[in-house]
Amino acid sequence: MRLSTVRAGFVAAAAALALAACGGQNVGVPATSGALNASLPGDLLQPLTGCATSPPQYYWIFKGACDAKIMLKATGGTFSLADYDDITVKGSIGKNNAKGTVTIALADATDTNGDIVKYKGAAFLKYKAKGTTFIYAVAVNQSTQTIKPIAEKDKPILQYVITDSKGLPGKSCGAAVLTEGSRGSEVWSTIPASFKVSGHTLTISQYNVPNGFEFGPKSPLYFAINCFS
């Protein structure tokens, strides 16, 4: 199965995570830290109805938490998905080149109990890595704009905070992004770094803009997180 229409988005996501692994701050901190403490207008985050459908999702449909969307403006926005299987995912997108307001749909899943729907009969590709892969996430730019982040001193362009009230399945975690292989099939590209866990929380903060990073229109970005001791 080819996903050539979203290949650019996959590549951009890989570049972003690679930068986070090499140059971003990746030490676990409490979920209330950093950009998530910023006072942002209430219209930046809106409830999303009918979220486990296409649209707002495309290709594989995630049926975990998918109840919120970012109404992203040039000044940025925050997101916070509801608790799903004792896991919450929240974070922020910083300054960017958006014109007006851009909608970003969000969803997560654990790939258990049928919470990732097959696409044209094909199952979502599991990420197999050291330890336990415990969460998948997808973000989809619903607009016709191509969104590019703009770096600001001491402010993250992207921040991801994952908390599992049961406890994360390890003391360190890794990340991967789904990319298109040379023959058109999908493959997971592992980011060569680990991120420390603090309590029940993992935080990844990224401060620099990688070359070529962009958030393409109607292009889903799929991520996987695994933890290990």
N, C-alpha and C. Protein backbone atom coordinates (compact mmCIF):
# COMPACT_ATOMS: atom_id res chain seq x y z
N MET A 1 0.83 -1.19 0.00
CA MET A 1 0.00 0.00 0.00
C MET A 1 0.87 1.25 0.00
N ARG A 2 0.61 2.17 -0.91
CA ARG A 2 1.40 3.39 -0.98
C ARG A 2 0.66 4.53 -0.32
N LEU A 3 1.39 5.34 0.42
CA LEU A 3 0.82 6.54 1.02
C LEU A 3 1.62 7.74 0.54
N SER A 4 1.79 7.84 -0.78
CA SER A 4 2.66 8.87 -1.33
C SER A 4 2.17 10.27 -1.00
N THR A 5 0.87 10.43 -0.80
CA THR A 5 0.33 11.77 -0.52
C THR A 5 0.75 12.28 0.85
N VAL A 6 1.16 11.39 1.75
CA VAL A 6 1.56 11.83 3.07
C VAL A 6 3.05 11.64 3.31
N ARG A 7 3.80 11.28 2.28
CA ARG A 7 5.22 11.00 2.47
C ARG A 7 5.97 12.21 3.00
N ALA A 8 5.66 13.38 2.47
CA ALA A 8 6.36 14.59 2.93
C ALA A 8 6.13 14.82 4.40
N GLY A 9 4.92 14.55 4.86
CA GLY A 9 4.63 14.71 6.28
C GLY A 9 5.41 13.74 7.12
N PHE A 10 5.51 12.48 6.67
CA PHE A 10 6.29 11.49 7.40
C PHE A 10 7.74 11.92 7.52
N VAL A 11 8.31 12.39 6.41
CA VAL A 11 9.71 12.81 6.41
C VAL A 11 9.91 13.98 7.36
N ALA A 12 8.99 14.92 7.34
CA ALA A 12 9.09 16.08 8.23
C ALA A 12 9.03 15.65 9.69
N ALA A 13 8.15 14.70 9.99
CA ALA A 13 8.05 14.22 11.36
C ALA A 13 9.34 13.55 11.80
N ALA A 14 9.93 12.77 10.92
CA ALA A 14 11.20 12.11 11.24
C ALA A 14 12.28 13.15 11.53
N ALA A 15 12.31 14.20 10.72
CA ALA A 15 13.31 15.25 10.94
C ALA A 15 13.10 15.93 12.28
N ALA A 16 11.85 16.17 12.60
CA ALA A 16 11.54 16.85 13.86
C ALA A 16 11.97 16.02 15.06
N LEU A 17 11.62 14.72 15.04
CA LEU A 17 11.98 13.87 16.16
C LEU A 17 13.48 13.64 16.23
N ALA A 18 14.13 13.57 15.07
CA ALA A 18 15.58 13.41 15.07
C ALA A 18 16.25 14.60 15.73
N LEU A 19 15.73 15.79 15.48
CA LEU A 19 16.30 16.97 16.11
C LEU A 19 16.07 16.94 17.61
N ALA A 20 14.87 16.53 18.00
CA ALA A 20 14.59 16.44 19.43
C ALA A 20 15.57 15.48 20.10
N ALA A 21 15.89 14.39 19.40
CA ALA A 21 16.81 13.40 19.95
C ALA A 21 18.22 13.95 20.07
N CYS A 22 18.61 14.80 19.12
CA CYS A 22 20.00 15.26 19.08
C CYS A 22 20.22 16.61 19.75
N GLY A 23 19.25 17.51 19.62
CA GLY A 23 19.50 18.85 20.10
C GLY A 23 18.47 19.42 21.02
N GLY A 24 17.34 18.73 21.20
CA GLY A 24 16.29 19.25 22.06
C GLY A 24 16.52 18.84 23.48
N GLN A 25 15.72 19.41 24.41
CA GLN A 25 15.78 19.00 25.79
C GLN A 25 14.89 17.78 25.93
N ASN A 26 15.43 16.69 26.48
CA ASN A 26 14.66 15.47 26.52
C ASN A 26 14.61 14.85 27.91
N VAL A 27 14.83 15.65 28.94
CA VAL A 27 14.77 15.13 30.30
C VAL A 27 13.35 15.23 30.80
N GLY A 28 12.82 14.15 31.39
CA GLY A 28 11.46 14.16 31.89
C GLY A 28 11.27 15.21 32.96
N VAL A 29 10.18 15.98 32.86
CA VAL A 29 9.84 16.99 33.84
C VAL A 29 8.36 16.89 34.11
N PRO A 30 7.85 17.49 35.19
CA PRO A 30 6.43 17.40 35.49
C PRO A 30 5.58 17.94 34.35
N ALA A 31 4.36 17.40 34.24
CA ALA A 31 3.50 17.74 33.11
C ALA A 31 3.07 19.19 33.10
N THR A 32 3.21 19.91 34.21
CA THR A 32 2.78 21.30 34.27
C THR A 32 3.88 22.27 33.93
N SER A 33 5.01 21.79 33.45
CA SER A 33 6.17 22.66 33.25
C SER A 33 6.15 23.32 31.88
N GLY A 34 7.08 24.25 31.69
CA GLY A 34 7.36 24.82 30.38
C GLY A 34 6.19 25.52 29.75
N ALA A 35 6.03 25.29 28.43
CA ALA A 35 5.05 26.02 27.65
C ALA A 35 3.63 25.74 28.10
N LEU A 36 3.39 24.63 28.78
CA LEU A 36 2.03 24.29 29.16
C LEU A 36 1.51 25.19 30.26
N ASN A 37 2.36 25.97 30.90
CA ASN A 37 1.92 26.93 31.90
C ASN A 37 1.51 28.25 31.28
N ALA A 38 1.76 28.42 29.97
CA ALA A 38 1.48 29.69 29.32
C ALA A 38 -0.02 29.98 29.33
N SER A 39 -0.36 31.23 29.48
CA SER A 39 -1.76 31.64 29.44
C SER A 39 -2.14 31.88 27.99
N LEU A 40 -3.02 31.02 27.46
CA LEU A 40 -3.40 31.10 26.07
C LEU A 40 -4.91 31.29 25.96
N PRO A 41 -5.38 31.98 24.92
CA PRO A 41 -6.81 32.18 24.74
C PRO A 41 -7.58 30.87 24.72
N GLY A 42 -8.79 30.88 25.29
CA GLY A 42 -9.57 29.67 25.42
C GLY A 42 -9.98 29.07 24.09
N ASP A 43 -9.97 29.84 23.01
CA ASP A 43 -10.42 29.31 21.73
C ASP A 43 -9.35 28.52 21.01
N LEU A 44 -8.18 28.35 21.63
CA LEU A 44 -7.12 27.58 20.98
C LEU A 44 -7.39 26.08 21.03
N LEU A 45 -8.21 25.65 21.99
CA LEU A 45 -8.52 24.23 22.11
C LEU A 45 -10.03 24.06 22.09
N GLN A 46 -10.52 23.23 21.19
CA GLN A 46 -11.95 23.04 21.04
C GLN A 46 -12.29 21.56 21.06
N PRO A 47 -13.51 21.22 21.54
CA PRO A 47 -13.93 19.82 21.46
C PRO A 47 -14.11 19.41 20.01
N LEU A 48 -13.84 18.15 19.74
CA LEU A 48 -13.94 17.62 18.38
C LEU A 48 -14.97 16.49 18.38
N THR A 49 -16.06 16.66 17.65
CA THR A 49 -17.09 15.64 17.60
C THR A 49 -16.91 14.77 16.37
N GLY A 50 -17.33 13.50 16.48
CA GLY A 50 -17.16 12.58 15.36
C GLY A 50 -15.72 12.40 14.97
N CYS A 51 -14.83 12.33 15.98
CA CYS A 51 -13.40 12.39 15.68
C CYS A 51 -12.84 11.06 15.18
N ALA A 52 -13.49 9.95 15.48
CA ALA A 52 -12.98 8.65 15.01
C ALA A 52 -13.58 8.32 13.66
N THR A 53 -13.48 9.25 12.73
CA THR A 53 -14.02 9.09 11.39
C THR A 53 -13.06 9.72 10.39
N SER A 54 -13.34 9.53 9.12
CA SER A 54 -12.55 10.16 8.05
C SER A 54 -13.45 11.06 7.22
N PRO A 55 -13.19 12.41 7.18
CA PRO A 55 -12.29 13.13 8.07
C PRO A 55 -12.87 13.23 9.48
N PRO A 56 -12.16 13.74 10.48
CA PRO A 56 -10.90 14.47 10.40
C PRO A 56 -9.65 13.59 10.27
N GLN A 57 -9.77 12.29 10.56
CA GLN A 57 -8.62 11.42 10.38
C GLN A 57 -8.64 10.84 8.96
N TYR A 58 -7.49 10.38 8.53
CA TYR A 58 -7.37 9.74 7.23
C TYR A 58 -6.59 8.45 7.39
N TYR A 59 -6.73 7.54 6.44
CA TYR A 59 -6.04 6.26 6.49
C TYR A 59 -6.47 5.50 7.73
N TRP A 60 -5.58 5.12 8.63
CA TRP A 60 -5.98 4.37 9.81
C TRP A 60 -6.67 5.30 10.81
N ILE A 61 -7.79 4.85 11.36
CA ILE A 61 -8.56 5.66 12.29
C ILE A 61 -8.24 5.23 13.71
N PHE A 62 -7.80 6.18 14.53
CA PHE A 62 -7.51 5.93 15.94
C PHE A 62 -8.77 6.22 16.75
N LYS A 63 -9.18 5.24 17.58
CA LYS A 63 -10.42 5.36 18.34
C LYS A 63 -10.17 5.47 19.83
N GLY A 64 -8.96 5.86 20.22
CA GLY A 64 -8.69 6.10 21.63
C GLY A 64 -9.23 7.47 22.02
N ALA A 65 -8.39 8.30 22.60
CA ALA A 65 -8.79 9.68 22.88
C ALA A 65 -8.63 10.49 21.60
N CYS A 66 -9.71 11.13 21.17
CA CYS A 66 -9.63 11.94 19.95
C CYS A 66 -10.65 13.07 20.05
N ASP A 67 -10.82 13.56 21.27
CA ASP A 67 -11.93 14.46 21.57
C ASP A 67 -11.55 15.94 21.55
N ALA A 68 -10.39 16.27 21.05
CA ALA A 68 -9.97 17.68 21.05
C ALA A 68 -9.24 18.02 19.77
N LYS A 69 -9.26 19.29 19.43
CA LYS A 69 -8.51 19.76 18.28
C LYS A 69 -7.86 21.08 18.64
N ILE A 70 -6.73 21.38 18.01
CA ILE A 70 -6.06 22.66 18.21
C ILE A 70 -6.59 23.65 17.18
N MET A 71 -7.02 24.79 17.65
CA MET A 71 -7.31 25.89 16.74
C MET A 71 -6.04 26.73 16.71
N LEU A 72 -5.12 26.33 15.86
CA LEU A 72 -3.76 26.87 15.86
C LEU A 72 -3.69 28.23 15.19
N LYS A 73 -3.08 29.18 15.89
CA LYS A 73 -2.83 30.51 15.35
C LYS A 73 -1.33 30.73 15.24
N ALA A 74 -0.94 31.83 14.66
CA ALA A 74 0.48 32.10 14.46
C ALA A 74 1.25 32.16 15.78
N THR A 75 0.55 32.49 16.86
CA THR A 75 1.19 32.56 18.18
C THR A 75 1.32 31.20 18.84
N GLY A 76 0.69 30.17 18.27
CA GLY A 76 0.82 28.83 18.82
C GLY A 76 -0.48 28.31 19.38
N GLY A 77 -0.40 27.21 20.11
CA GLY A 77 -1.57 26.60 20.72
C GLY A 77 -1.18 25.40 21.56
N THR A 78 -2.05 25.01 22.46
CA THR A 78 -1.82 23.84 23.30
C THR A 78 -2.85 22.77 22.98
N PHE A 79 -2.55 21.54 23.38
CA PHE A 79 -3.52 20.46 23.20
C PHE A 79 -3.49 19.55 24.42
N SER A 80 -4.61 18.91 24.67
CA SER A 80 -4.73 17.99 25.78
C SER A 80 -5.82 16.97 25.47
N LEU A 81 -5.41 15.76 25.18
CA LEU A 81 -6.36 14.69 24.93
C LEU A 81 -6.86 14.11 26.24
N ALA A 82 -8.08 13.65 26.25
CA ALA A 82 -8.66 13.07 27.45
C ALA A 82 -7.93 11.78 27.84
N ASP A 83 -8.14 11.38 29.08
CA ASP A 83 -7.57 10.14 29.57
C ASP A 83 -8.10 8.96 28.75
N TYR A 84 -7.20 8.11 28.31
CA TYR A 84 -7.58 6.89 27.61
C TYR A 84 -6.68 5.76 28.09
N ASP A 85 -7.29 4.73 28.65
CA ASP A 85 -6.53 3.60 29.20
C ASP A 85 -5.49 4.09 30.20
N ASP A 86 -5.89 5.07 31.02
CA ASP A 86 -5.05 5.67 32.07
C ASP A 86 -3.90 6.52 31.53
N ILE A 87 -3.92 6.82 30.24
CA ILE A 87 -2.85 7.61 29.61
C ILE A 87 -3.41 8.94 29.13
N THR A 88 -2.70 10.02 29.41
CA THR A 88 -3.05 11.33 28.86
C THR A 88 -1.88 11.84 28.03
N VAL A 89 -2.22 12.53 26.95
CA VAL A 89 -1.22 13.13 26.08
C VAL A 89 -1.57 14.61 25.94
N LYS A 90 -0.60 15.47 26.24
CA LYS A 90 -0.81 16.90 26.10
C LYS A 90 0.48 17.54 25.59
N GLY A 91 0.40 18.80 25.22
CA GLY A 91 1.59 19.45 24.72
C GLY A 91 1.29 20.80 24.11
N SER A 92 2.21 21.29 23.30
CA SER A 92 2.04 22.60 22.70
C SER A 92 2.77 22.68 21.37
N ILE A 93 2.26 23.56 20.53
CA ILE A 93 2.94 23.96 19.30
C ILE A 93 3.22 25.45 19.43
N GLY A 94 4.44 25.87 19.17
CA GLY A 94 4.83 27.26 19.36
C GLY A 94 4.53 28.15 18.17
N LYS A 95 5.24 29.22 18.08
CA LYS A 95 5.05 30.21 17.02
C LYS A 95 5.22 29.55 15.65
N ASN A 96 4.42 29.99 14.68
CA ASN A 96 4.45 29.37 13.36
C ASN A 96 3.95 30.35 12.30
N ASN A 97 3.86 29.89 11.06
CA ASN A 97 3.52 30.78 9.95
C ASN A 97 2.04 30.73 9.57
N ALA A 98 1.18 30.19 10.43
CA ALA A 98 -0.23 30.06 10.10
C ALA A 98 -0.87 31.40 9.80
N LYS A 99 -1.72 31.42 8.80
CA LYS A 99 -2.50 32.60 8.47
C LYS A 99 -3.93 32.37 8.95
N GLY A 100 -4.37 33.22 9.85
CA GLY A 100 -5.68 33.00 10.45
C GLY A 100 -5.62 31.85 11.44
N THR A 101 -6.63 30.99 11.42
CA THR A 101 -6.71 29.86 12.34
C THR A 101 -6.70 28.56 11.57
N VAL A 102 -5.85 27.64 12.00
CA VAL A 102 -5.70 26.33 11.35
C VAL A 102 -6.14 25.25 12.34
N THR A 103 -6.93 24.31 11.86
CA THR A 103 -7.39 23.22 12.71
C THR A 103 -6.45 22.02 12.60
N ILE A 104 -6.00 21.53 13.76
CA ILE A 104 -5.18 20.32 13.84
C ILE A 104 -5.97 19.27 14.62
N ALA A 105 -6.31 18.16 13.98
CA ALA A 105 -7.02 17.08 14.66
C ALA A 105 -6.02 16.14 15.32
N LEU A 106 -6.36 15.65 16.50
CA LEU A 106 -5.46 14.83 17.31
C LEU A 106 -6.15 13.54 17.73
N ALA A 107 -5.39 12.48 17.87
CA ALA A 107 -5.93 11.22 18.36
C ALA A 107 -4.80 10.35 18.89
N ASP A 108 -5.15 9.43 19.79
CA ASP A 108 -4.18 8.43 20.21
C ASP A 108 -4.87 7.07 20.30
N ALA A 109 -4.07 6.04 20.48
CA ALA A 109 -4.58 4.68 20.59
C ALA A 109 -3.47 3.81 21.16
N THR A 110 -3.85 2.66 21.69
CA THR A 110 -2.86 1.73 22.24
C THR A 110 -2.71 0.49 21.35
N ASP A 111 -3.49 0.42 20.27
CA ASP A 111 -3.52 -0.73 19.37
C ASP A 111 -3.96 -1.98 20.13
N THR A 112 -4.94 -1.80 21.01
CA THR A 112 -5.56 -2.92 21.72
C THR A 112 -7.07 -2.79 21.58
N ASN A 113 -7.76 -3.90 21.69
CA ASN A 113 -9.23 -3.90 21.67
C ASN A 113 -9.80 -3.22 20.42
N GLY A 114 -9.10 -3.35 19.31
CA GLY A 114 -9.63 -2.81 18.07
C GLY A 114 -9.69 -1.31 17.99
N ASP A 115 -8.82 -0.60 18.71
CA ASP A 115 -8.90 0.86 18.73
C ASP A 115 -8.14 1.53 17.59
N ILE A 116 -7.56 0.74 16.66
CA ILE A 116 -7.04 1.28 15.40
C ILE A 116 -7.72 0.51 14.26
N VAL A 117 -8.52 1.22 13.47
CA VAL A 117 -9.31 0.60 12.43
C VAL A 117 -8.46 0.32 11.20
N LYS A 118 -8.64 -0.84 10.60
CA LYS A 118 -7.90 -1.19 9.39
C LYS A 118 -8.19 -0.19 8.26
N TYR A 119 -7.21 -0.01 7.39
CA TYR A 119 -7.38 0.85 6.23
C TYR A 119 -7.33 0.00 4.97
N LYS A 120 -8.43 -0.06 4.25
CA LYS A 120 -8.54 -0.89 3.05
C LYS A 120 -8.08 -2.32 3.31
N GLY A 121 -8.48 -2.83 4.47
CA GLY A 121 -8.18 -4.21 4.83
C GLY A 121 -6.82 -4.43 5.45
N ALA A 122 -5.99 -3.40 5.48
CA ALA A 122 -4.63 -3.53 6.02
C ALA A 122 -4.58 -3.04 7.46
N ALA A 123 -4.01 -3.86 8.33
CA ALA A 123 -3.86 -3.48 9.73
C ALA A 123 -2.76 -2.44 9.89
N PHE A 124 -2.90 -1.61 10.89
CA PHE A 124 -1.86 -0.64 11.22
C PHE A 124 -0.59 -1.39 11.62
N LEU A 125 0.55 -0.90 11.17
CA LEU A 125 1.82 -1.57 11.42
C LEU A 125 2.26 -1.34 12.86
N LYS A 126 2.37 -2.42 13.64
CA LYS A 126 2.82 -2.33 15.02
C LYS A 126 4.29 -1.91 15.05
N TYR A 127 4.64 -1.14 16.08
CA TYR A 127 6.04 -0.77 16.29
C TYR A 127 6.64 -1.76 17.28
N LYS A 128 7.63 -2.53 16.83
CA LYS A 128 8.27 -3.52 17.67
C LYS A 128 9.67 -3.04 18.02
N ALA A 129 9.89 -2.82 19.31
CA ALA A 129 11.17 -2.27 19.76
C ALA A 129 11.44 -2.76 21.18
N LYS A 130 12.57 -2.35 21.70
CA LYS A 130 12.97 -2.72 23.06
C LYS A 130 11.89 -2.34 24.07
N GLY A 131 11.61 -3.24 25.00
CA GLY A 131 10.62 -2.93 26.02
C GLY A 131 9.20 -3.04 25.51
N THR A 132 8.38 -2.04 25.85
CA THR A 132 6.95 -2.06 25.54
C THR A 132 6.54 -0.82 24.78
N THR A 133 5.91 -1.00 23.62
CA THR A 133 5.29 0.12 22.91
C THR A 133 3.91 0.30 23.50
N PHE A 134 3.67 1.42 24.17
CA PHE A 134 2.44 1.56 24.94
C PHE A 134 1.47 2.60 24.41
N ILE A 135 1.89 3.44 23.44
CA ILE A 135 0.98 4.45 22.93
C ILE A 135 1.36 4.84 21.50
N TYR A 136 0.34 5.08 20.69
CA TYR A 136 0.51 5.63 19.35
C TYR A 136 -0.28 6.94 19.29
N ALA A 137 0.15 7.85 18.46
CA ALA A 137 -0.55 9.12 18.31
C ALA A 137 -0.53 9.56 16.85
N VAL A 138 -1.53 10.36 16.48
CA VAL A 138 -1.59 10.92 15.14
C VAL A 138 -2.06 12.36 15.24
N ALA A 139 -1.48 13.20 14.40
CA ALA A 139 -1.91 14.60 14.29
C ALA A 139 -2.12 14.89 12.81
N VAL A 140 -3.23 15.56 12.50
CA VAL A 140 -3.59 15.81 11.10
C VAL A 140 -3.92 17.28 10.89
N ASN A 141 -3.17 17.93 10.03
CA ASN A 141 -3.44 19.32 9.64
C ASN A 141 -4.65 19.32 8.72
N GLN A 142 -5.75 19.93 9.16
CA GLN A 142 -6.99 19.90 8.40
C GLN A 142 -7.10 21.00 7.34
N SER A 143 -6.14 21.90 7.31
CA SER A 143 -6.22 23.05 6.41
C SER A 143 -5.52 22.77 5.08
N THR A 144 -5.56 23.75 4.20
CA THR A 144 -4.82 23.68 2.93
C THR A 144 -3.47 24.36 3.05
N GLN A 145 -3.14 24.86 4.24
CA GLN A 145 -1.86 25.53 4.46
C GLN A 145 -0.78 24.52 4.82
N THR A 146 0.46 24.87 4.52
CA THR A 146 1.61 24.13 5.01
C THR A 146 2.18 24.90 6.20
N ILE A 147 2.15 24.28 7.36
CA ILE A 147 2.54 24.97 8.59
C ILE A 147 4.02 24.71 8.90
N LYS A 148 4.74 25.79 9.14
CA LYS A 148 6.15 25.70 9.49
C LYS A 148 6.38 26.42 10.82
N PRO A 149 7.04 25.78 11.78
CA PRO A 149 7.30 26.42 13.07
C PRO A 149 8.38 27.50 12.95
N ILE A 150 8.33 28.45 13.87
CA ILE A 150 9.30 29.54 13.92
C ILE A 150 9.93 29.54 15.31
N ALA A 151 11.24 29.39 15.37
CA ALA A 151 11.94 29.29 16.65
C ALA A 151 11.92 30.63 17.39
N GLU A 152 11.72 30.55 18.72
CA GLU A 152 11.82 31.70 19.61
C GLU A 152 12.73 31.32 20.77
N LYS A 153 13.52 32.24 21.22
CA LYS A 153 14.47 31.96 22.30
C LYS A 153 13.77 31.45 23.55
N ASP A 154 14.25 30.33 24.07
CA ASP A 154 13.78 29.74 25.31
C ASP A 154 12.33 29.29 25.28
N LYS A 155 11.75 29.16 24.08
CA LYS A 155 10.38 28.68 23.98
C LYS A 155 10.36 27.48 23.03
N PRO A 156 9.78 26.36 23.45
CA PRO A 156 9.77 25.19 22.57
C PRO A 156 8.87 25.39 21.37
N ILE A 157 9.30 24.90 20.22
CA ILE A 157 8.43 24.92 19.05
C ILE A 157 7.45 23.74 19.11
N LEU A 158 7.86 22.68 19.78
CA LEU A 158 7.00 21.53 20.00
C LEU A 158 7.28 20.96 21.38
N GLN A 159 6.22 20.59 22.07
CA GLN A 159 6.40 19.93 23.36
C GLN A 159 5.35 18.83 23.51
N TYR A 160 5.79 17.66 23.94
CA TYR A 160 4.90 16.52 24.12
C TYR A 160 5.05 16.04 25.56
N VAL A 161 3.93 15.84 26.24
CA VAL A 161 3.93 15.35 27.62
C VAL A 161 2.99 14.16 27.71
N ILE A 162 3.51 13.01 28.08
CA ILE A 162 2.72 11.78 28.17
C ILE A 162 2.77 11.28 29.61
N THR A 163 1.59 11.07 30.19
CA THR A 163 1.50 10.59 31.57
C THR A 163 0.65 9.33 31.60
N ASP A 164 1.13 8.32 32.31
CA ASP A 164 0.39 7.08 32.51
C ASP A 164 0.20 6.90 34.00
N SER A 165 -1.04 7.00 34.47
CA SER A 165 -1.30 6.94 35.91
C SER A 165 -0.94 5.58 36.50
N LYS A 166 -0.86 4.54 35.65
CA LYS A 166 -0.45 3.22 36.13
C LYS A 166 1.06 3.15 36.29
N GLY A 167 1.76 4.11 35.70
CA GLY A 167 3.22 4.08 35.66
C GLY A 167 3.69 3.68 34.28
N LEU A 168 4.67 4.39 33.78
CA LEU A 168 5.22 4.07 32.47
C LEU A 168 5.99 2.76 32.53
N PRO A 169 5.98 1.98 31.45
CA PRO A 169 6.60 0.64 31.47
C PRO A 169 8.11 0.67 31.30
N GLY A 170 8.78 1.52 32.07
CA GLY A 170 10.23 1.60 32.01
C GLY A 170 10.73 2.91 32.57
N LYS A 171 12.05 3.03 32.69
CA LYS A 171 12.65 4.25 33.21
C LYS A 171 13.10 5.20 32.11
N SER A 172 13.20 4.69 30.91
CA SER A 172 13.54 5.49 29.74
C SER A 172 12.60 5.11 28.61
N CYS A 173 12.43 6.03 27.66
CA CYS A 173 11.53 5.77 26.55
C CYS A 173 12.18 6.15 25.24
N GLY A 174 11.71 5.54 24.16
CA GLY A 174 12.15 5.86 22.82
C GLY A 174 10.98 6.30 21.98
N ALA A 175 11.27 6.84 20.81
CA ALA A 175 10.22 7.32 19.92
C ALA A 175 10.50 6.85 18.50
N ALA A 176 9.45 6.76 17.71
CA ALA A 176 9.59 6.38 16.30
C ALA A 176 8.50 7.07 15.51
N VAL A 177 8.75 7.22 14.21
CA VAL A 177 7.77 7.82 13.32
C VAL A 177 7.57 6.89 12.13
N LEU A 178 6.33 6.80 11.67
CA LEU A 178 6.02 5.94 10.53
C LEU A 178 6.41 6.64 9.24
N THR A 179 7.25 5.98 8.44
CA THR A 179 7.73 6.57 7.19
C THR A 179 7.46 5.61 6.04
N GLU A 180 7.59 6.09 4.85
CA GLU A 180 7.40 5.25 3.67
C GLU A 180 8.73 4.70 3.22
N GLY A 181 8.80 3.37 3.08
CA GLY A 181 10.03 2.73 2.66
C GLY A 181 10.29 2.88 1.18
N SER A 182 11.42 2.35 0.72
CA SER A 182 11.86 2.51 -0.66
C SER A 182 10.91 1.85 -1.66
N ARG A 183 10.18 0.84 -1.22
CA ARG A 183 9.25 0.15 -2.10
C ARG A 183 7.80 0.57 -1.88
N GLY A 184 7.61 1.64 -1.15
CA GLY A 184 6.28 2.16 -0.96
C GLY A 184 5.56 1.65 0.27
N SER A 185 6.09 0.62 0.92
CA SER A 185 5.47 0.11 2.13
C SER A 185 5.87 0.97 3.32
N GLU A 186 5.08 0.88 4.39
CA GLU A 186 5.37 1.71 5.55
C GLU A 186 6.37 1.02 6.48
N VAL A 187 7.27 1.79 7.05
CA VAL A 187 8.26 1.27 7.99
C VAL A 187 8.39 2.27 9.14
N TRP A 188 8.67 1.75 10.32
CA TRP A 188 8.93 2.61 11.47
C TRP A 188 10.39 3.03 11.48
N SER A 189 10.63 4.32 11.61
CA SER A 189 11.99 4.85 11.72
C SER A 189 12.24 5.23 13.17
N THR A 190 13.13 4.50 13.79
CA THR A 190 13.42 4.71 15.20
C THR A 190 14.34 5.91 15.39
N ILE A 191 14.04 6.72 16.37
CA ILE A 191 14.89 7.86 16.70
C ILE A 191 16.00 7.38 17.63
N PRO A 192 17.27 7.61 17.28
CA PRO A 192 18.39 7.06 18.05
C PRO A 192 18.68 7.84 19.32
N ALA A 193 17.72 7.83 20.23
CA ALA A 193 17.92 8.51 21.51
C ALA A 193 16.91 7.96 22.49
N SER A 194 17.17 8.16 23.78
CA SER A 194 16.21 7.79 24.81
C SER A 194 15.88 9.01 25.64
N PHE A 195 14.68 8.99 26.23
CA PHE A 195 14.17 10.13 26.98
C PHE A 195 13.84 9.65 28.39
N LYS A 196 14.33 10.33 29.39
CA LYS A 196 14.17 9.91 30.77
C LYS A 196 12.75 10.16 31.27
N VAL A 197 12.29 9.24 32.09
CA VAL A 197 10.98 9.33 32.71
C VAL A 197 11.12 9.98 34.07
N SER A 198 10.17 10.86 34.42
CA SER A 198 10.11 11.46 35.74
C SER A 198 8.77 11.09 36.37
N GLY A 199 8.83 10.21 37.36
CA GLY A 199 7.59 9.74 37.97
C GLY A 199 6.78 8.94 36.96
N HIS A 200 5.56 9.40 36.69
CA HIS A 200 4.70 8.75 35.71
C HIS A 200 4.66 9.52 34.39
N THR A 201 5.60 10.43 34.21
CA THR A 201 5.52 11.37 33.08
C THR A 201 6.77 11.36 32.22
N LEU A 202 6.55 11.47 30.92
CA LEU A 202 7.61 11.63 29.94
C LEU A 202 7.39 12.94 29.20
N THR A 203 8.43 13.77 29.11
CA THR A 203 8.33 15.04 28.40
C THR A 203 9.43 15.16 27.36
N ILE A 204 9.03 15.55 26.16
CA ILE A 204 9.98 15.83 25.09
C ILE A 204 9.77 17.27 24.66
N SER A 205 10.79 18.11 24.77
CA SER A 205 10.70 19.51 24.37
C SER A 205 11.72 19.79 23.27
N GLN A 206 11.28 20.47 22.24
CA GLN A 206 12.13 20.75 21.09
C GLN A 206 12.17 22.25 20.84
N TYR A 207 13.38 22.80 20.73
CA TYR A 207 13.54 24.26 20.66
C TYR A 207 14.01 24.77 19.32
N ASN A 208 14.54 23.91 18.48
CA ASN A 208 15.07 24.34 17.19
C ASN A 208 14.24 23.78 16.05
N VAL A 209 14.24 24.48 14.92
CA VAL A 209 13.48 24.05 13.76
C VAL A 209 14.40 23.26 12.83
N PRO A 210 14.11 21.98 12.59
CA PRO A 210 14.96 21.19 11.69
C PRO A 210 14.80 21.65 10.26
N ASN A 211 15.85 21.49 9.48
CA ASN A 211 15.78 21.85 8.07
C ASN A 211 14.69 21.05 7.37
N GLY A 212 13.86 21.74 6.62
CA GLY A 212 12.83 21.07 5.85
C GLY A 212 11.59 20.67 6.62
N PHE A 213 11.52 21.00 7.92
CA PHE A 213 10.34 20.61 8.68
C PHE A 213 9.12 21.41 8.25
N GLU A 214 8.02 20.72 8.00
CA GLU A 214 6.76 21.38 7.70
C GLU A 214 5.63 20.41 8.01
N PHE A 215 4.46 20.97 8.25
CA PHE A 215 3.28 20.21 8.63
C PHE A 215 2.30 20.32 7.47
N GLY A 216 2.35 19.36 6.56
CA GLY A 216 1.60 19.44 5.31
C GLY A 216 0.10 19.31 5.48
N PRO A 217 -0.67 19.84 4.53
CA PRO A 217 -2.13 19.76 4.59
C PRO A 217 -2.64 18.33 4.41
N LYS A 218 -3.63 17.97 5.22
CA LYS A 218 -4.27 16.65 5.14
C LYS A 218 -3.26 15.50 5.25
N SER A 219 -2.16 15.74 5.94
CA SER A 219 -1.09 14.74 6.04
C SER A 219 -0.97 14.24 7.46
N PRO A 220 -1.43 13.01 7.75
CA PRO A 220 -1.32 12.49 9.10
C PRO A 220 0.12 12.16 9.47
N LEU A 221 0.50 12.51 10.69
CA LEU A 221 1.81 12.15 11.23
C LEU A 221 1.59 11.12 12.33
N TYR A 222 2.16 9.92 12.16
CA TYR A 222 1.97 8.83 13.12
C TYR A 222 3.24 8.67 13.95
N PHE A 223 3.04 8.56 15.27
CA PHE A 223 4.14 8.41 16.20
C PHE A 223 3.93 7.18 17.08
N ALA A 224 5.01 6.62 17.60
CA ALA A 224 4.95 5.52 18.55
C ALA A 224 5.95 5.79 19.68
N ILE A 225 5.58 5.42 20.88
CA ILE A 225 6.46 5.57 22.04
C ILE A 225 6.61 4.22 22.73
N ASN A 226 7.86 3.83 22.97
CA ASN A 226 8.14 2.60 23.72
C ASN A 226 9.00 2.93 24.92
N CYS A 227 8.82 2.18 26.00
CA CYS A 227 9.60 2.41 27.23
C CYS A 227 10.28 1.11 27.66
N PHE A 228 11.40 1.29 28.36
CA PHE A 228 12.20 0.15 28.76
C PHE A 228 12.99 0.53 30.01
N SER A 229 13.50 -0.48 30.70
CA SER A 229 14.29 -0.24 31.91
C SER A 229 15.77 -0.14 31.59
